Each structure stands twice: as C-alpha cells, then as structure tokens.
Amino acid sequence: MSDRVTYWDVLRGNANFRKLWLAQLTSNAGDWFNDVAVLGLILQLTGSPAAAGGFIIAAQVPGVLLSPVAGIWADRYDRKKVMVVSDLLRMALALGFLLVRSVDHIWLIYVITAALRSVTAFFGPAQRAAIPNLVTPRELLPANALSEVTWGAMLAVGAALGGLVSAYLGRDAAFIINSMSFLVSALLIWAIRARFSEATPHSLGQVSLGWKAMWGGLDYARHNLAVAAFIFVKFGWGLGAGTVLMLSLFATQVFYRGDDGIGWLYAARGFGVLLGPWLASLVVGASIARLRWSVSVGYLTSGLGYLGFSQAQSLPQAAARVFFAHTGSGAAWVTSSTMLQQIVPDRLRGRVFSLDNALVTLAMALSTAFVGWAAPIYGPRAVCAWVASIALVCAAFWSGLILMRGAEIGVTSSIELEASGE
C-alpha cells in the first residue's frame, strides 16, 4: 500500500483543514465572479486599458503598504479571529460595487477595491501562517498544493460562471454572490476547533508592535538565503504579471468579446493553475533537487506560454496558451509557499508571509502599470511579448542560483515532499 498522502487523505482525515479548504473554495469562487464583472464594467464604461489596469493596481497596493502591520497582527493576535473579522468586513464592502452605475462612479470601484484588499492583506498572512498548525508535517505539501489547486479550480469555474452570470443575469448578481461567499467563509472558519498558532494567547500578546518587529520578516530573510530565494520565486512571477491584464484586453479589444471572453481566458488560467501543482507533485516526489529545478521549469513554461499568447489568432488558441503558461506558475507558487512554511518558525511566519505578499504585489503593480501605459501606445501583442520575456530572464537567474548556491537552498525537512491528487 502506498504511504503517499493524497488530497483526499487530507480532506477526509483532517476536519479542521477541510473547513478551511471549504472556506477558501467559497470565497475564491466569489472573488472571480466579482473580478470578471468589475473588469467588464470598467472596459464597458471607459474602453480604457489604463482604467482596467487601475483596478488591478488598486487591488495590489494595499498589500504592499499594509504588509508590516498585517504580518505582526498575524503573529501577535489570534489568527482565527483575524480571519473571521476580515471576512465579515469584506462581506459588507463587496456590496459597494452595486453603487457603480455610470462612468462618473468609476472612482468608487478603485476605493472599494482598495478597501477590500486592505482587509485581505490581514487575512492572507494569517491563513498561510496557520496552515502548518492545522495539518501534520506529512500533510503540509498536499495541503498547500490543494490550496493552490483550489484557487486554480475556482478561478476556472468562478471566472467562467462569473462571466456567464454577469452576461445573462447582470453584474449585480455577481457582486451579491461575492458578498455572500465571505459570510459562508467566516462561518466555516469560526467552526474550526484547533489552535491557529503554536503560541498561547498570552505569549502572542508579548509580540512587539514596534518597527523592528514589523520588519522582522525582512531581517530574517536578509540573513537566510533559502528564505530570500523562495520569496524571490513569487516576486519574479509578479514582475511578469502584467500579462494577466492582457487577458481582459485581448478578450475585449483583440477578439472583440465581452465578459464571457474575459471569463473564458481567466478560466484557462485557472485550469492551468489547477493542473500545474498536481503534475509537479508527481514529478518532484521527495527530491529536493527536482523541487529546486521545478521553479526554473515553471518560469520557462510561463514565459513561453505568454509569448505564444501574444501571437494568438483566436480566443480558443489564446486560451490554450494561457492554460500552458499557468501550469508552470502554479507549480512554482506551491513550491515557494511550502518551503517557506517549512523553514520559517511559527513566531515569524506571519511577518515573512506578509513580506512575501508585499513584494509580489509590488511587482505585480509595477508590471500592471507598465502594461496599462504601454498597451495603447505599442499595442497589446508587442507589450505582452515584452512582459512575457521577464519570466524567461527569471528562469535563467534561478537556474544560475541553483548551479552556484544550490546547496544553500536545498532545505532538508521532516516533511515528506510527496503529494498526489484525486
């Protein structure tokens, strides 16, 4: 009998993680209903790539600005309560999109989006820091892979269904569904009966709120090459993430489709993220060497996929290439998260993951701003190819890092690096 821990083993045998996973499943689906509807609304009202890029930037900037505070909150306060309160606040804020009725209300989209993502900046580090406390060491990699697969599945299903709901039932329906998804998530997380951190509530309260403590994640990464290297994985992907804005631009301005076209391209992205971690788990197994090289392969796949996307001549052709690109990025993302959870102590985990989130969102914001500015001037196809090339540069950089300093990022862990999906 195989001793490999599968996705099903984790879900069936760990009730606490199962509730967290169901919460993610619900809120992720609502997120993509919302994002497809908002992007479609912006492009309908303005026809401007820069305006659509502004929405993505508004969703990213809070993660950068609030990172120091959010990280210390995840390490100082009860992570469960942080997550539940965050969900309830997001439930209320998400209904604000119902107020947008004309181009004069576009500013509301940016304000509400920034407020939503400000709250999410506290939710995300608390969730990722809590996972190692809700699963056994052998369950950690499959649990992370399952979280990433779920994000991809809900991107695929939520984006496709969100596009259809928005097109046929109206965007208001998508906004309401998103709001209710946060309520369901809060109820599921509140029902978890397990400690979300190793520390007791008393010792959590002893964590300093000073600037030195807030930047503890950065200081830790500066003195630990393995931590810095695996944080770079997402940061490098973020530098090329302007390609994601291209999904909306190609759907509406190259292939002349509406919300349904945006939905199908986002769905292709989701199916790629869904398949990538599963394939990586089969190939990597327990090999640290393969794990390191899987990042290079992920970058290479992402770059080549979006170079192909930049020259696509039809929506189905574009969707196939987006799918290929995101099989690589999905696998690399899981590798980064899992290794950070293994090598960072619980007392610093919230701050390290906040730093991780801040850097990737900063990179994404810069990349998206460039795409929003350059696409109207040089054309979507040329700009997409330029940004896609960043992933190829990152593949070369990471490969060089492995060849020169591989032993220092070959982290040995008690966690078995095995997982498979069913």
Protein backbone atom coordinates (compact mmCIF):
# COMPACT_ATOMS: atom_id res chain seq x y z
CA MET A 1 0.00 0.00 0.00
CA SER A 2 1.32 3.47 -0.88
CA ASP A 3 2.20 5.78 2.03
CA ARG A 4 1.81 8.91 -0.07
CA VAL A 5 -0.59 11.48 1.31
CA THR A 6 -3.19 12.44 -1.27
CA TYR A 7 -5.52 15.41 -1.45
CA TRP A 8 -8.37 13.11 -0.49
CA ASP A 9 -6.46 11.80 2.55
CA VAL A 10 -6.04 15.34 3.86
CA LEU A 11 -9.67 16.33 3.27
CA ARG A 12 -11.11 13.09 4.63
CA GLY A 13 -8.85 12.75 7.67
CA ASN A 14 -8.43 16.37 8.81
CA ALA A 15 -11.73 18.04 9.65
CA ASN A 16 -10.13 21.36 10.61
CA PHE A 17 -8.26 21.73 7.33
CA ARG A 18 -11.37 20.59 5.47
CA LYS A 19 -13.33 23.54 6.89
CA LEU A 20 -10.53 25.95 5.98
CA TRP A 21 -10.46 24.49 2.47
CA LEU A 22 -14.24 24.85 2.08
CA ALA A 23 -13.95 28.47 3.22
CA GLN A 24 -11.31 29.07 0.56
CA LEU A 25 -13.39 27.26 -2.05
CA THR A 26 -16.37 29.52 -1.39
CA SER A 27 -14.60 32.87 -1.16
CA ASN A 28 -12.32 32.17 -4.14
CA ALA A 29 -15.33 31.45 -6.34
CA GLY A 30 -16.95 34.71 -5.24
CA ASP A 31 -13.73 36.64 -5.92
CA TRP A 32 -13.69 35.60 -9.56
CA PHE A 33 -17.39 36.31 -10.05
CA ASN A 34 -16.58 39.81 -8.80
CA ASP A 35 -13.36 40.44 -10.75
CA VAL A 36 -14.78 39.39 -14.12
CA ALA A 37 -17.81 41.61 -13.56
CA VAL A 38 -15.72 44.60 -12.44
CA LEU A 39 -13.26 44.35 -15.34
CA GLY A 40 -16.12 44.04 -17.81
CA LEU A 41 -17.86 47.05 -16.25
CA ILE A 42 -14.74 49.22 -16.39
CA LEU A 43 -14.00 48.38 -20.00
CA GLN A 44 -17.65 48.91 -20.99
CA LEU A 45 -17.82 52.32 -19.31
CA THR A 46 -14.36 53.61 -20.31
CA GLY A 47 -12.86 51.37 -23.02
CA SER A 48 -9.51 52.20 -21.41
CA PRO A 49 -6.73 49.65 -20.69
CA ALA A 50 -5.30 52.14 -18.20
CA ALA A 51 -8.62 52.23 -16.32
CA ALA A 52 -8.68 48.42 -16.16
CA GLY A 53 -5.07 48.45 -15.04
CA GLY A 54 -6.04 50.93 -12.33
CA PHE A 55 -8.43 48.34 -10.88
CA ILE A 56 -5.66 45.74 -10.70
CA ILE A 57 -3.25 48.25 -9.15
CA ALA A 58 -5.88 49.31 -6.60
CA ALA A 59 -6.15 45.63 -5.67
CA GLN A 60 -2.39 45.33 -5.20
CA VAL A 61 -1.14 48.49 -3.50
CA PRO A 62 -2.77 47.83 -0.08
CA GLY A 63 -0.84 44.58 0.22
CA VAL A 64 2.42 46.49 -0.15
CA LEU A 65 1.58 49.35 2.19
CA LEU A 66 -0.01 47.26 4.94
CA SER A 67 2.46 44.37 4.88
CA PRO A 68 4.45 45.34 8.02
CA VAL A 69 1.29 45.80 10.10
CA ALA A 70 -0.55 42.78 8.72
CA GLY A 71 2.38 40.48 9.39
CA ILE A 72 2.73 41.48 13.01
CA TRP A 73 -1.03 41.09 13.50
CA ALA A 74 -0.81 37.53 12.20
CA ASP A 75 1.94 36.79 14.73
CA ARG A 76 0.54 38.80 17.69
CA TYR A 77 -3.23 38.23 17.61
CA ASP A 78 -5.50 35.20 17.33
CA ARG A 79 -5.24 34.26 13.65
CA LYS A 80 -8.70 32.71 13.65
CA LYS A 81 -10.34 35.93 14.85
CA VAL A 82 -8.31 38.00 12.38
CA MET A 83 -9.62 35.84 9.54
CA VAL A 84 -13.27 35.83 10.67
CA VAL A 85 -13.40 39.60 11.22
CA SER A 86 -11.70 40.12 7.86
CA ASP A 87 -14.35 38.01 6.12
CA LEU A 88 -17.23 39.91 7.74
CA LEU A 89 -15.73 43.26 6.75
CA ARG A 90 -15.22 42.04 3.19
CA MET A 91 -18.82 40.85 3.04
CA ALA A 92 -20.03 44.40 3.72
CA LEU A 93 -17.52 46.14 1.47
CA ALA A 94 -18.24 43.86 -1.51
CA LEU A 95 -21.78 45.19 -1.74
CA GLY A 96 -20.39 48.64 -2.52
CA PHE A 97 -19.94 47.74 -6.19
CA LEU A 98 -23.73 47.84 -6.52
CA LEU A 99 -23.46 51.65 -6.34
CA VAL A 100 -21.48 51.93 -9.61
CA ARG A 101 -23.93 52.94 -12.35
CA SER A 102 -22.02 55.24 -14.72
CA VAL A 103 -18.57 56.41 -15.73
CA ASP A 104 -18.88 59.12 -13.05
CA HIS A 105 -18.83 56.36 -10.44
CA ILE A 106 -15.62 54.68 -11.64
CA TRP A 107 -13.71 56.17 -8.72
CA LEU A 108 -15.89 54.10 -6.39
CA ILE A 109 -14.52 50.91 -7.94
CA TYR A 110 -10.99 51.88 -7.02
CA VAL A 111 -11.90 52.96 -3.48
CA ILE A 112 -13.94 49.83 -2.73
CA THR A 113 -11.32 47.57 -4.28
CA ALA A 114 -8.55 49.16 -2.22
CA ALA A 115 -10.64 48.78 0.95
CA LEU A 116 -11.39 45.13 0.18
CA ARG A 117 -7.76 44.29 -0.48
CA SER A 118 -6.66 46.22 2.60
CA VAL A 119 -8.69 43.78 4.68
CA THR A 120 -7.41 40.86 2.62
CA ALA A 121 -3.87 41.98 3.44
CA PHE A 122 -4.60 40.87 7.02
CA PHE A 123 -6.46 37.69 6.08
CA GLY A 124 -3.84 36.20 3.73
CA PRO A 125 -0.78 36.07 6.02
CA ALA A 126 -2.91 34.74 8.90
CA GLN A 127 -4.26 31.95 6.71
CA ARG A 128 -0.91 30.86 5.28
CA ALA A 129 0.79 31.09 8.68
CA ALA A 130 -1.95 28.96 10.25
CA ILE A 131 -1.89 26.04 7.80
CA PRO A 132 1.17 24.28 9.32
CA ASN A 133 -0.65 24.32 12.68
CA LEU A 134 -3.77 22.68 11.25
CA VAL A 135 -2.07 19.81 9.41
CA THR A 136 0.55 17.19 10.20
CA PRO A 137 4.06 17.52 8.72
CA ARG A 138 3.29 14.84 6.10
CA GLU A 139 0.11 16.68 5.11
CA LEU A 140 1.76 20.08 4.56
CA LEU A 141 2.78 19.77 0.91
CA PRO A 142 -0.50 18.18 -0.25
CA ALA A 143 -2.42 20.76 1.82
CA ASN A 144 -0.57 23.62 0.11
CA ALA A 145 -0.93 22.02 -3.28
CA LEU A 146 -4.63 21.55 -2.62
CA SER A 147 -4.99 25.20 -1.66
CA GLU A 148 -3.32 26.27 -4.90
CA VAL A 149 -5.30 23.75 -6.94
CA THR A 150 -8.49 25.05 -5.34
CA TRP A 151 -7.53 28.63 -6.20
CA GLY A 152 -6.99 27.50 -9.77
CA ALA A 153 -10.19 25.48 -9.89
CA MET A 154 -12.24 28.36 -8.56
CA LEU A 155 -10.52 30.72 -10.97
CA ALA A 156 -11.50 28.37 -13.77
CA VAL A 157 -15.04 27.68 -12.60
CA GLY A 158 -15.68 31.04 -10.95
CA ALA A 159 -14.37 33.06 -13.88
CA ALA A 160 -16.31 31.04 -16.45
CA LEU A 161 -19.53 31.02 -14.42
CA GLY A 162 -18.96 34.61 -13.33
CA GLY A 163 -18.73 35.68 -16.96
CA LEU A 164 -21.97 33.84 -17.75
CA VAL A 165 -23.79 35.19 -14.68
CA SER A 166 -22.60 38.70 -15.44
CA ALA A 167 -23.62 38.40 -19.10
CA TYR A 168 -27.05 36.82 -18.55
CA LEU A 169 -28.18 37.74 -15.01
CA GLY A 170 -26.39 41.06 -14.70
CA ARG A 171 -23.30 42.19 -12.85
CA ASP A 172 -25.25 42.97 -9.67
CA ALA A 173 -25.90 39.25 -9.23
CA ALA A 174 -22.13 38.59 -9.39
CA PHE A 175 -21.46 41.28 -6.77
CA ILE A 176 -24.06 39.85 -4.36
CA ILE A 177 -22.72 36.30 -4.77
CA ASN A 178 -19.25 37.54 -3.93
CA SER A 179 -20.50 39.24 -0.76
CA MET A 180 -22.32 36.14 0.45
CA SER A 181 -19.24 33.99 -0.18
CA PHE A 182 -17.39 35.90 2.55
CA LEU A 183 -20.18 35.20 5.06
CA VAL A 184 -20.00 31.48 4.34
CA SER A 185 -16.21 31.58 4.68
CA ALA A 186 -16.42 33.33 8.08
CA LEU A 187 -18.87 30.73 9.43
CA LEU A 188 -16.69 27.84 8.30
CA ILE A 189 -13.51 29.30 9.82
CA TRP A 190 -15.29 30.05 13.10
CA ALA A 191 -16.30 26.37 13.28
CA ILE A 192 -12.65 25.20 13.27
CA ARG A 193 -11.70 23.74 16.65
CA ALA A 194 -7.92 23.93 16.61
CA ARG A 195 -5.19 26.37 17.55
CA PHE A 196 -4.06 28.54 14.63
CA SER A 197 -0.62 29.20 16.11
CA GLU A 198 1.88 27.44 18.36
CA ALA A 199 1.86 30.24 20.94
CA THR A 200 -0.73 30.70 23.65
CA PRO A 201 -2.88 33.87 23.61
CA HIS A 202 -0.71 35.27 26.45
CA SER A 203 2.58 34.77 24.62
CA LEU A 204 1.08 36.11 21.40
CA GLY A 205 0.36 39.35 23.22
CA GLN A 206 4.04 39.74 24.04
CA VAL A 207 4.99 40.23 20.39
CA SER A 208 6.14 43.82 19.94
CA LEU A 209 4.35 46.20 17.62
CA GLY A 210 7.46 48.31 17.12
CA TRP A 211 9.05 48.98 13.74
CA LYS A 212 11.81 46.46 14.41
CA ALA A 213 9.25 43.72 14.98
CA MET A 214 7.19 44.77 11.96
CA TRP A 215 10.22 44.40 9.70
CA GLY A 216 11.24 41.14 11.35
CA GLY A 217 10.39 39.19 8.21
CA LEU A 218 12.75 41.30 6.10
CA ASP A 219 15.55 40.99 8.64
CA TYR A 220 15.08 37.22 8.79
CA ALA A 221 15.15 36.91 5.00
CA ARG A 222 18.30 39.04 4.75
CA HIS A 223 20.17 36.53 6.89
CA ASN A 224 18.72 33.36 5.36
CA LEU A 225 19.43 32.67 1.69
CA ALA A 226 16.85 29.88 1.46
CA VAL A 227 14.08 32.18 2.71
CA ALA A 228 15.15 35.01 0.40
CA ALA A 229 15.36 32.63 -2.56
CA PHE A 230 11.86 31.22 -2.12
CA ILE A 231 10.42 34.70 -1.58
CA PHE A 232 12.03 35.68 -4.89
CA VAL A 233 10.04 32.94 -6.67
CA LYS A 234 6.75 34.84 -6.34
CA PHE A 235 8.42 38.24 -6.74
CA GLY A 236 9.88 37.16 -10.10
CA TRP A 237 6.50 35.94 -11.24
CA GLY A 238 4.97 39.26 -10.17
CA LEU A 239 7.35 41.20 -12.41
CA GLY A 240 5.75 39.49 -15.39
CA ALA A 241 2.21 39.53 -14.02
CA GLY A 242 1.16 42.39 -16.27
CA THR A 243 0.33 39.62 -18.70
CA VAL A 244 -2.77 38.94 -16.59
CA LEU A 245 -4.20 42.36 -17.54
CA MET A 246 -3.76 41.21 -21.12
CA LEU A 247 -6.48 38.61 -20.64
CA SER A 248 -9.10 41.35 -20.38
CA LEU A 249 -7.53 43.46 -23.16
CA PHE A 250 -7.24 40.57 -25.61
CA ALA A 251 -10.79 39.37 -24.88
CA THR A 252 -12.36 42.78 -25.48
CA GLN A 253 -10.01 44.64 -27.84
CA VAL A 254 -8.32 41.89 -29.87
CA PHE A 255 -11.03 39.20 -30.08
CA TYR A 256 -13.96 41.63 -29.54
CA ARG A 257 -15.74 39.57 -26.89
CA GLY A 258 -17.35 40.84 -23.71
CA ASP A 259 -17.50 39.45 -20.17
CA ASP A 260 -17.81 35.90 -21.47
CA GLY A 261 -14.50 36.24 -23.34
CA ILE A 262 -12.79 37.57 -20.22
CA GLY A 263 -14.31 34.70 -18.26
CA TRP A 264 -13.02 32.02 -20.65
CA LEU A 265 -9.46 33.35 -20.64
CA TYR A 266 -9.47 33.58 -16.85
CA ALA A 267 -10.90 30.05 -16.76
CA ALA A 268 -7.98 28.83 -18.89
CA ARG A 269 -5.64 30.47 -16.40
CA GLY A 270 -7.42 28.68 -13.59
CA PHE A 271 -7.24 25.25 -15.24
CA GLY A 272 -3.50 25.77 -15.69
CA VAL A 273 -3.06 26.62 -12.00
CA LEU A 274 -5.25 23.60 -11.21
CA LEU A 275 -3.12 21.14 -13.18
CA GLY A 276 0.36 22.57 -12.54
CA PRO A 277 0.76 21.71 -8.82
CA TRP A 278 -0.64 18.22 -9.37
CA LEU A 279 1.83 17.50 -12.17
CA ALA A 280 4.67 18.95 -10.11
CA SER A 281 3.84 16.71 -7.16
CA LEU A 282 4.06 13.64 -9.40
CA VAL A 283 7.40 14.66 -10.91
CA VAL A 284 9.10 16.15 -7.84
CA GLY A 285 8.25 13.40 -5.34
CA ALA A 286 10.69 13.56 -2.41
CA SER A 287 13.58 15.03 -4.40
CA ILE A 288 14.87 18.42 -3.19
CA ALA A 289 16.91 18.76 -6.39
CA ARG A 290 13.80 18.31 -8.54
CA LEU A 291 11.92 20.72 -6.31
CA ARG A 292 14.51 23.44 -6.94
CA TRP A 293 14.55 22.86 -10.69
CA SER A 294 10.75 22.84 -10.84
CA VAL A 295 10.91 26.61 -10.29
CA SER A 296 13.06 27.09 -13.40
CA VAL A 297 10.69 24.91 -15.40
CA GLY A 298 7.74 26.92 -14.07
CA TYR A 299 9.25 30.22 -15.15
CA LEU A 300 10.16 28.81 -18.56
CA THR A 301 6.66 27.43 -19.11
CA SER A 302 5.05 30.70 -18.08
CA GLY A 303 7.26 32.81 -20.35
CA LEU A 304 6.87 30.61 -23.41
CA GLY A 305 3.13 30.32 -22.87
CA TYR A 306 2.58 34.06 -22.83
CA LEU A 307 4.92 34.62 -25.76
CA GLY A 308 2.64 32.26 -27.67
CA PHE A 309 -0.44 34.03 -26.30
CA SER A 310 0.83 37.35 -27.65
CA GLN A 311 0.55 35.94 -31.18
CA ALA A 312 -2.74 34.02 -30.79
CA GLN A 313 -5.19 34.49 -33.64
CA SER A 314 -8.38 33.26 -31.95
CA LEU A 315 -9.92 33.04 -28.49
CA PRO A 316 -9.57 29.21 -28.24
CA GLN A 317 -5.93 29.41 -29.34
CA ALA A 318 -5.27 32.12 -26.77
CA ALA A 319 -6.99 30.13 -24.03
CA ALA A 320 -4.83 27.05 -24.75
CA ARG A 321 -1.65 29.09 -24.44
CA VAL A 322 -2.79 30.76 -21.22
CA PHE A 323 -3.51 27.30 -19.82
CA PHE A 324 0.01 26.16 -20.70
CA ALA A 325 1.60 29.25 -19.14
CA HIS A 326 -0.15 28.86 -15.81
CA THR A 327 0.67 25.20 -15.32
CA GLY A 328 4.20 26.49 -14.69
CA SER A 329 3.35 29.45 -12.47
CA GLY A 330 1.00 27.34 -10.34
CA ALA A 331 3.68 24.75 -9.61
CA ALA A 332 6.30 27.39 -8.74
CA TRP A 333 3.88 29.16 -6.39
CA VAL A 334 3.20 25.97 -4.39
CA THR A 335 6.94 25.26 -4.14
CA SER A 336 7.58 28.73 -2.70
CA SER A 337 4.77 28.61 -0.12
CA THR A 338 5.52 25.08 1.07
CA MET A 339 9.24 25.65 1.52
CA LEU A 340 8.67 28.91 3.42
CA GLN A 341 6.22 27.18 5.76
CA GLN A 342 8.81 24.50 6.45
CA ILE A 343 11.84 26.68 7.13
CA VAL A 344 10.31 29.72 8.88
CA PRO A 345 9.49 29.37 12.62
CA ASP A 346 5.87 29.93 13.62
CA ARG A 347 6.67 33.08 15.62
CA LEU A 348 7.91 34.79 12.42
CA ARG A 349 5.71 33.12 9.85
CA GLY A 350 3.07 35.86 9.63
CA ARG A 351 5.70 38.55 9.03
CA VAL A 352 7.59 36.50 6.45
CA PHE A 353 4.41 35.78 4.52
CA SER A 354 3.43 39.45 4.70
CA LEU A 355 6.83 40.33 3.22
CA ASP A 356 6.30 37.66 0.57
CA ASN A 357 2.88 39.14 -0.24
CA ALA A 358 4.15 42.72 -0.23
CA LEU A 359 6.95 42.02 -2.69
CA VAL A 360 4.83 40.04 -5.13
CA THR A 361 2.02 42.64 -5.08
CA LEU A 362 4.53 45.47 -5.55
CA ALA A 363 5.99 43.64 -8.55
CA MET A 364 2.51 42.98 -9.92
CA ALA A 365 1.51 46.62 -9.51
CA LEU A 366 4.58 47.86 -11.36
CA SER A 367 4.12 45.32 -14.14
CA THR A 368 0.41 46.11 -14.48
CA ALA A 369 1.05 49.87 -14.51
CA PHE A 370 3.56 49.40 -17.32
CA VAL A 371 1.12 47.32 -19.35
CA GLY A 372 -1.72 49.80 -18.81
CA TRP A 373 0.53 52.64 -20.02
CA ALA A 374 2.28 50.83 -22.88
CA ALA A 375 -0.56 48.79 -24.44
CA PRO A 376 -2.40 51.79 -26.02
CA ILE A 377 0.92 53.10 -27.41
CA TYR A 378 2.67 49.99 -28.70
CA GLY A 379 -0.25 47.56 -28.99
CA PRO A 380 -1.30 44.63 -26.77
CA ARG A 381 0.64 42.00 -28.74
CA ALA A 382 4.03 43.68 -28.53
CA VAL A 383 3.68 44.64 -24.87
CA CYS A 384 2.52 41.15 -23.93
CA ALA A 385 5.62 39.65 -25.57
CA TRP A 386 7.92 42.06 -23.74
CA VAL A 387 6.42 41.30 -20.34
CA ALA A 388 6.38 37.55 -21.01
CA SER A 389 10.13 37.70 -21.60
CA ILE A 390 10.64 38.63 -17.93
CA ALA A 391 9.75 35.07 -16.94
CA LEU A 392 12.47 33.75 -19.22
CA VAL A 393 15.02 36.05 -17.57
CA CYS A 394 13.86 34.80 -14.15
CA ALA A 395 14.26 31.20 -15.33
CA ALA A 396 17.87 31.92 -16.25
CA PHE A 397 18.52 33.73 -12.96
CA TRP A 398 17.04 30.94 -10.83
CA SER A 399 18.93 28.27 -12.76
CA GLY A 400 22.17 30.17 -12.16
CA LEU A 401 21.35 30.46 -8.46
CA ILE A 402 20.86 26.69 -8.24
CA LEU A 403 24.12 25.97 -10.03
CA MET A 404 26.15 28.37 -7.87
CA ARG A 405 24.42 28.24 -4.47
CA GLY A 406 22.15 25.21 -4.71
CA ALA A 407 23.37 23.56 -1.52
CA GLU A 408 22.28 26.60 0.49
CA ILE A 409 18.69 26.44 -0.75
CA GLY A 410 18.44 22.65 -0.63
CA VAL A 411 16.50 22.71 2.60
CA THR A 412 16.21 19.45 4.47
CA SER A 413 12.86 18.98 6.16
CA SER A 414 10.99 16.39 8.14
CA ILE A 415 8.07 16.92 5.83
CA GLU A 416 7.82 14.36 3.10
CA LEU A 417 7.65 16.14 -0.21
CA GLU A 418 5.04 13.85 -1.65
CA ALA A 419 1.51 14.54 -2.79
CA SER A 420 -0.91 13.41 -5.40
CA GLY A 421 -4.40 14.49 -6.32
CA GLU A 422 -7.53 12.52 -6.99
